[in-house]
Amino acid sequence: TKGEPMLYVTLQKALYGCMRSALLFYLKLVADLEGEGFRLNPYNPCVANKMVDGAQMTLTFHVDDIKISDVNPAEVIRHINWFKSIHGTNVRV
């Protein structure tokens, strides 16, 4: 308003709960997954697949919940650790 001081800030990280934050998280997640060899499902952009030792690993996500499925539990653990290395250790399993 006129005559009242106004403070503007620039955030260094996305603010949780905003539409732009959700888009930024999605774009980063997709870039990270593709960098790790996953391919997005063309019919559902919240599903990514990757062939690991001749078997398909599937990763599904919604908002900030992620599910990894693979026949080899060690591969699931390896990918959880990979994800933690990128997004921080505050990842709950």
Protein backbone atom coordinates (compact mmCIF):
# COMPACT_ATOMS: atom_id res chain seq x y z
CA THR A 1 0.00 0.00 0.00
CA LYS A 2 1.06 3.59 -0.47
CA GLY A 3 3.48 4.96 2.05
CA GLU A 4 3.98 1.69 3.94
CA PRO A 5 7.29 -0.15 3.81
CA MET A 6 7.35 -3.33 1.74
CA LEU A 7 9.85 -6.17 1.97
CA TYR A 8 10.68 -8.33 -1.05
CA VAL A 9 12.84 -11.42 -0.73
CA THR A 10 14.33 -13.97 -3.08
CA LEU A 11 14.15 -17.55 -1.82
CA GLN A 12 17.16 -19.79 -2.22
CA LYS A 13 14.96 -22.89 -2.20
CA ALA A 14 11.43 -23.61 -3.36
CA LEU A 15 8.71 -22.91 -0.80
CA TYR A 16 6.64 -26.02 0.01
CA GLY A 17 2.98 -25.82 -0.96
CA CYS A 18 3.24 -23.41 -3.88
CA MET A 19 2.40 -24.39 -7.46
CA ARG A 20 5.79 -23.19 -8.68
CA SER A 21 7.52 -25.25 -5.97
CA ALA A 22 5.71 -28.38 -7.13
CA LEU A 23 6.75 -27.75 -10.71
CA LEU A 24 10.37 -27.09 -9.72
CA PHE A 25 10.46 -30.30 -7.67
CA TYR A 26 8.95 -32.29 -10.55
CA LEU A 27 11.43 -30.88 -13.08
CA LYS A 28 14.39 -31.62 -10.78
CA LEU A 29 13.11 -35.11 -10.00
CA VAL A 30 12.62 -35.92 -13.69
CA ALA A 31 16.10 -34.59 -14.56
CA ASP A 32 17.65 -36.67 -11.75
CA LEU A 33 15.76 -39.81 -12.82
CA GLU A 34 16.68 -39.41 -16.48
CA GLY A 35 20.29 -38.83 -15.45
CA GLU A 36 20.16 -42.16 -13.62
CA GLY A 37 18.83 -43.93 -16.72
CA PHE A 38 15.09 -43.91 -16.03
CA ARG A 39 12.63 -43.17 -18.83
CA LEU A 40 9.29 -41.53 -18.13
CA ASN A 41 6.22 -43.48 -19.12
CA PRO A 42 4.66 -41.65 -22.10
CA TYR A 43 1.14 -42.39 -20.80
CA ASN A 44 1.72 -41.40 -17.17
CA PRO A 45 4.37 -38.75 -16.40
CA CYS A 46 4.50 -39.86 -12.76
CA VAL A 47 5.89 -43.31 -13.65
CA ALA A 48 9.49 -43.95 -14.64
CA ASN A 49 11.06 -47.26 -15.69
CA LYS A 50 14.60 -48.53 -15.96
CA MET A 51 16.05 -51.89 -16.92
CA VAL A 52 18.33 -53.26 -14.18
CA ASP A 53 20.05 -56.62 -14.71
CA GLY A 54 17.43 -57.66 -17.26
CA ALA A 55 14.44 -56.76 -15.07
CA GLN A 56 12.31 -53.64 -15.10
CA MET A 57 12.54 -51.31 -12.12
CA THR A 58 9.52 -49.05 -11.75
CA LEU A 59 9.44 -45.82 -9.82
CA THR A 60 6.11 -44.06 -9.24
CA PHE A 61 5.61 -40.73 -7.57
CA HIS A 62 2.83 -38.41 -6.48
CA VAL A 63 3.58 -35.01 -4.95
CA ASP A 64 6.50 -35.96 -2.66
CA ASP A 65 5.74 -39.68 -2.19
CA ILE A 66 7.88 -42.10 -4.18
CA LYS A 67 7.59 -45.89 -4.55
CA ILE A 68 10.34 -48.02 -6.07
CA SER A 69 9.60 -51.59 -7.22
CA ASP A 70 12.17 -54.13 -8.37
CA VAL A 71 12.66 -57.90 -8.08
CA ASN A 72 16.01 -57.31 -6.34
CA PRO A 73 15.68 -55.63 -2.92
CA ALA A 74 19.37 -54.65 -3.03
CA GLU A 75 18.68 -52.53 -6.11
CA VAL A 76 15.82 -50.79 -4.32
CA ILE A 77 18.15 -49.98 -1.39
CA ARG A 78 20.84 -48.76 -3.79
CA HIS A 79 18.39 -46.41 -5.47
CA ILE A 80 17.07 -45.15 -2.12
CA ASN A 81 20.66 -44.31 -1.14
CA TRP A 82 21.20 -42.63 -4.53
CA PHE A 83 18.06 -40.57 -3.94
CA LYS A 84 19.22 -39.61 -0.43
CA SER A 85 22.59 -38.50 -1.83
CA ILE A 86 20.78 -36.01 -4.09
CA HIS A 87 17.81 -34.90 -1.98
CA GLY A 88 19.27 -35.18 1.51
CA THR A 89 19.21 -37.74 4.25
CA ASN A 90 15.81 -36.63 5.54
CA VAL A 91 14.18 -39.26 3.31
CA ARG A 92 11.91 -41.68 5.17
CA VAL A 93 11.63 -45.27 4.01
